[in-house]
Amino acid sequence: MAVQSVTVNLPEPLYERLVRRAQKTQRTVEAELVDAVTTSLPDEPDELPADMADAIAALHLLGDEELWRAARQGLAPEKAADLEALHLKRQSDGLSASDVEALAALMKEYTRILLVRSRSAALLKQRGHDVSVLHQGHEP
């Protein structure tokens, strides 16, 4: 991949924010800027199904508190129980056609939630937050 050199004019507050993040992470301002642009641009449309791309498209516009909520969301307990029951049924008895459809729908929802959680965590990290608490199951 070729590296293109360009000059970018940034508003002073944004530049200062990048400088602080670069100092905090012991990286260059350029590395912070590349990281910020990379994580804030939506994935290419052909890389994700449309509904999945839509789920994360505007996350970069959310405030930190909203991102924390998105990063902590999970599958509703009753849906998680249904998902587990279908997995167990698949292993023991096999699934009917309607069970396969239900499992596919639950897996799609679970995948969407994981995508939103991971993108939210990446954006929070990019903004300088310690997201390790998400792995530990603690509130920030």
C-alpha atoms as a PDB file:
ATOM      1  CA  MET A   1       0.000   0.000   0.000  1.00  0.00           C
ATOM      2  CA  ALA A   2       1.465   3.348  -1.042  1.00  0.00           C
ATOM      3  CA  VAL A   3       1.617   6.125   1.522  1.00  0.00           C
ATOM      4  CA  GLN A   4       0.258   9.432   0.284  1.00  0.00           C
ATOM      5  CA  SER A   5       1.621  12.593   1.856  1.00  0.00           C
ATOM      6  CA  VAL A   6      -0.937  15.390   2.225  1.00  0.00           C
ATOM      7  CA  THR A   7      -1.305  18.575   4.213  1.00  0.00           C
ATOM      8  CA  VAL A   8      -4.453  18.818   6.313  1.00  0.00           C
ATOM      9  CA  ASN A   9      -5.625  21.979   8.050  1.00  0.00           C
ATOM     10  CA  LEU A  10      -7.344  21.190  11.345  1.00  0.00           C
ATOM     11  CA  PRO A  11      -9.162  23.509  13.723  1.00  0.00           C
ATOM     12  CA  GLU A  12      -6.882  24.334  16.658  1.00  0.00           C
ATOM     13  CA  PRO A  13      -9.023  22.532  19.310  1.00  0.00           C
ATOM     14  CA  LEU A  14      -9.029  19.345  17.240  1.00  0.00           C
ATOM     15  CA  TYR A  15      -5.300  19.546  16.655  1.00  0.00           C
ATOM     16  CA  GLU A  16      -4.667  20.075  20.379  1.00  0.00           C
ATOM     17  CA  ARG A  17      -6.847  17.073  21.156  1.00  0.00           C
ATOM     18  CA  LEU A  18      -4.780  14.958  18.768  1.00  0.00           C
ATOM     19  CA  VAL A  19      -1.559  16.229  20.357  1.00  0.00           C
ATOM     20  CA  ARG A  20      -2.818  15.279  23.849  1.00  0.00           C
ATOM     21  CA  ARG A  21      -3.844  11.820  22.644  1.00  0.00           C
ATOM     22  CA  ALA A  22      -0.514  11.336  20.910  1.00  0.00           C
ATOM     23  CA  GLN A  23       1.350  12.277  24.086  1.00  0.00           C
ATOM     24  CA  LYS A  24      -0.881  10.028  26.194  1.00  0.00           C
ATOM     25  CA  THR A  25      -0.360   7.033  23.884  1.00  0.00           C
ATOM     26  CA  GLN A  26       3.283   7.873  23.133  1.00  0.00           C
ATOM     27  CA  ARG A  27       2.586   7.956  19.406  1.00  0.00           C
ATOM     28  CA  THR A  28       2.951  10.586  16.722  1.00  0.00           C
ATOM     29  CA  VAL A  29       0.176  13.030  15.904  1.00  0.00           C
ATOM     30  CA  GLU A  30       0.165  11.504  12.425  1.00  0.00           C
ATOM     31  CA  ALA A  31      -0.425   8.017  13.850  1.00  0.00           C
ATOM     32  CA  GLU A  32      -3.284   9.340  15.982  1.00  0.00           C
ATOM     33  CA  LEU A  33      -4.837  11.084  12.997  1.00  0.00           C
ATOM     34  CA  VAL A  34      -4.592   7.978  10.825  1.00  0.00           C
ATOM     35  CA  ASP A  35      -6.145   5.914  13.626  1.00  0.00           C
ATOM     36  CA  ALA A  36      -8.957   8.449  14.097  1.00  0.00           C
ATOM     37  CA  VAL A  37      -9.776   8.518  10.404  1.00  0.00           C
ATOM     38  CA  THR A  38      -9.558   4.742  10.075  1.00  0.00           C
ATOM     39  CA  THR A  39     -11.910   4.035  12.978  1.00  0.00           C
ATOM     40  CA  SER A  40     -14.402   6.774  12.149  1.00  0.00           C
ATOM     41  CA  LEU A  41     -14.917   5.915   8.500  1.00  0.00           C
ATOM     42  CA  PRO A  42     -17.602   3.313   7.921  1.00  0.00           C
ATOM     43  CA  ASP A  43     -16.502   0.023   6.461  1.00  0.00           C
ATOM     44  CA  GLU A  44     -16.758  -0.337   2.734  1.00  0.00           C
ATOM     45  CA  PRO A  45     -20.350  -1.171   1.768  1.00  0.00           C
ATOM     46  CA  ASP A  46     -19.378  -4.463   0.175  1.00  0.00           C
ATOM     47  CA  GLU A  47     -17.580  -5.628   3.315  1.00  0.00           C
ATOM     48  CA  LEU A  48     -20.708  -5.816   5.492  1.00  0.00           C
ATOM     49  CA  PRO A  49     -24.341  -6.630   4.808  1.00  0.00           C
ATOM     50  CA  ALA A  50     -26.405  -3.434   4.551  1.00  0.00           C
ATOM     51  CA  ASP A  51     -28.196  -3.927   7.874  1.00  0.00           C
ATOM     52  CA  MET A  52     -24.893  -4.463   9.665  1.00  0.00           C
ATOM     53  CA  ALA A  53     -23.305  -1.431   7.996  1.00  0.00           C
ATOM     54  CA  ASP A  54     -26.348   0.644   8.980  1.00  0.00           C
ATOM     55  CA  ALA A  55     -25.989  -0.498  12.606  1.00  0.00           C
ATOM     56  CA  ILE A  56     -22.523   1.074  12.905  1.00  0.00           C
ATOM     57  CA  ALA A  57     -22.679   3.854  10.320  1.00  0.00           C
ATOM     58  CA  ALA A  58     -23.438   6.714  12.711  1.00  0.00           C
ATOM     59  CA  LEU A  59     -21.721   5.479  15.868  1.00  0.00           C
ATOM     60  CA  HIS A  60     -18.893   7.977  15.412  1.00  0.00           C
ATOM     61  CA  LEU A  61     -21.461  10.763  15.856  1.00  0.00           C
ATOM     62  CA  LEU A  62     -22.478   9.583  19.342  1.00  0.00           C
ATOM     63  CA  GLY A  63     -21.209  11.129  22.532  1.00  0.00           C
ATOM     64  CA  ASP A  64     -19.046   9.151  24.921  1.00  0.00           C
ATOM     65  CA  GLU A  65     -21.907   8.244  27.287  1.00  0.00           C
ATOM     66  CA  GLU A  66     -23.985   6.868  24.407  1.00  0.00           C
ATOM     67  CA  LEU A  67     -20.983   4.909  23.160  1.00  0.00           C
ATOM     68  CA  TRP A  68     -20.457   3.402  26.612  1.00  0.00           C
ATOM     69  CA  ARG A  69     -24.103   2.264  26.598  1.00  0.00           C
ATOM     70  CA  ALA A  70     -23.695   0.783  23.112  1.00  0.00           C
ATOM     71  CA  ALA A  71     -20.464  -0.950  24.134  1.00  0.00           C
ATOM     72  CA  ARG A  72     -22.227  -2.589  27.095  1.00  0.00           C
ATOM     73  CA  GLN A  73     -25.404  -3.704  25.355  1.00  0.00           C
ATOM     74  CA  GLY A  74     -26.153  -7.365  25.092  1.00  0.00           C
ATOM     75  CA  LEU A  75     -28.685  -9.796  23.807  1.00  0.00           C
ATOM     76  CA  ALA A  76     -31.879  -9.705  25.884  1.00  0.00           C
ATOM     77  CA  PRO A  77     -31.809 -12.486  28.507  1.00  0.00           C
ATOM     78  CA  GLU A  78     -34.811 -14.300  27.017  1.00  0.00           C
ATOM     79  CA  LYS A  79     -33.251 -14.222  23.553  1.00  0.00           C
ATOM     80  CA  ALA A  80     -29.919 -15.445  24.958  1.00  0.00           C
ATOM     81  CA  ALA A  81     -31.782 -18.324  26.626  1.00  0.00           C
ATOM     82  CA  ASP A  82     -33.558 -19.127  23.337  1.00  0.00           C
ATOM     83  CA  LEU A  83     -30.239 -19.065  21.493  1.00  0.00           C
ATOM     84  CA  GLU A  84     -28.632 -21.416  24.001  1.00  0.00           C
ATOM     85  CA  ALA A  85     -31.640 -23.761  23.894  1.00  0.00           C
ATOM     86  CA  LEU A  86     -31.499 -23.913  20.093  1.00  0.00           C
ATOM     87  CA  HIS A  87     -27.766 -24.670  20.171  1.00  0.00           C
ATOM     88  CA  LEU A  88     -28.350 -27.472  22.664  1.00  0.00           C
ATOM     89  CA  LYS A  89     -31.266 -28.825  20.635  1.00  0.00           C
ATOM     90  CA  ARG A  90     -29.146 -28.778  17.489  1.00  0.00           C
ATOM     91  CA  GLN A  91     -26.497 -30.883  19.242  1.00  0.00           C
ATOM     92  CA  SER A  92     -28.911 -33.396  20.741  1.00  0.00           C
ATOM     93  CA  ASP A  93     -31.956 -33.745  18.452  1.00  0.00           C
ATOM     94  CA  GLY A  94     -31.330 -31.614  15.397  1.00  0.00           C
ATOM     95  CA  LEU A  95     -33.397 -28.621  14.335  1.00  0.00           C
ATOM     96  CA  SER A  96     -36.609 -28.301  12.395  1.00  0.00           C
ATOM     97  CA  ALA A  97     -36.846 -25.809   9.527  1.00  0.00           C
ATOM     98  CA  SER A  98     -38.544 -23.265  11.818  1.00  0.00           C
ATOM     99  CA  ASP A  99     -35.834 -23.819  14.448  1.00  0.00           C
ATOM    100  CA  VAL A 100     -33.145 -23.169  11.829  1.00  0.00           C
ATOM    101  CA  GLU A 101     -34.863 -19.893  10.883  1.00  0.00           C
ATOM    102  CA  ALA A 102     -35.190 -18.870  14.528  1.00  0.00           C
ATOM    103  CA  LEU A 103     -31.532 -19.696  15.164  1.00  0.00           C
ATOM    104  CA  ALA A 104     -30.436 -17.716  12.104  1.00  0.00           C
ATOM    105  CA  ALA A 105     -32.463 -14.684  13.221  1.00  0.00           C
ATOM    106  CA  LEU A 106     -31.035 -14.832  16.745  1.00  0.00           C
ATOM    107  CA  MET A 107     -27.476 -15.251  15.438  1.00  0.00           C
ATOM    108  CA  LYS A 108     -27.935 -12.273  13.127  1.00  0.00           C
ATOM    109  CA  GLU A 109     -29.135 -10.111  16.017  1.00  0.00           C
ATOM    110  CA  TYR A 110     -26.291 -11.347  18.232  1.00  0.00           C
ATOM    111  CA  THR A 111     -23.751 -10.595  15.488  1.00  0.00           C
ATOM    112  CA  ARG A 112     -25.177  -7.086  15.049  1.00  0.00           C
ATOM    113  CA  ILE A 113     -24.874  -6.465  18.792  1.00  0.00           C
ATOM    114  CA  LEU A 114     -21.272  -7.694  18.828  1.00  0.00           C
ATOM    115  CA  LEU A 115     -20.441  -5.469  15.861  1.00  0.00           C
ATOM    116  CA  VAL A 116     -21.952  -2.399  17.544  1.00  0.00           C
ATOM    117  CA  ARG A 117     -20.188  -3.233  20.822  1.00  0.00           C
ATOM    118  CA  SER A 118     -16.798  -3.685  19.190  1.00  0.00           C
ATOM    119  CA  ARG A 119     -17.091  -0.549  17.037  1.00  0.00           C
ATOM    120  CA  SER A 120     -18.252   1.462  20.072  1.00  0.00           C
ATOM    121  CA  ALA A 121     -15.319   0.189  22.124  1.00  0.00           C
ATOM    122  CA  ALA A 122     -12.912   1.055  19.300  1.00  0.00           C
ATOM    123  CA  LEU A 123     -14.293   4.590  19.123  1.00  0.00           C
ATOM    124  CA  LEU A 124     -14.063   5.002  22.888  1.00  0.00           C
ATOM    125  CA  LYS A 125     -10.472   3.792  22.830  1.00  0.00           C
ATOM    126  CA  GLN A 126      -9.723   6.159  19.982  1.00  0.00           C
ATOM    127  CA  ARG A 127     -11.116   8.983  22.130  1.00  0.00           C
ATOM    128  CA  GLY A 128      -8.658   8.089  24.873  1.00  0.00           C
ATOM    129  CA  HIS A 129     -10.840   5.971  27.187  1.00  0.00           C
ATOM    130  CA  ASP A 130      -9.656   2.832  28.943  1.00  0.00           C
ATOM    131  CA  VAL A 131     -11.987   0.176  27.524  1.00  0.00           C
ATOM    132  CA  SER A 132     -10.382  -2.727  29.377  1.00  0.00           C
ATOM    133  CA  VAL A 133     -13.251  -2.465  31.877  1.00  0.00           C
ATOM    134  CA  LEU A 134     -15.550  -3.779  29.134  1.00  0.00           C
ATOM    135  CA  HIS A 135     -13.650  -7.077  29.137  1.00  0.00           C
ATOM    136  CA  GLN A 136     -13.868  -7.278  32.910  1.00  0.00           C
ATOM    137  CA  GLY A 137     -17.617  -6.639  32.989  1.00  0.00           C
ATOM    138  CA  HIS A 138     -17.332  -3.494  35.150  1.00  0.00           C
ATOM    139  CA  GLU A 139     -18.938  -0.143  34.576  1.00  0.00           C
ATOM    140  CA  PRO A 140     -16.585   2.707  33.620  1.00  0.00           C
END
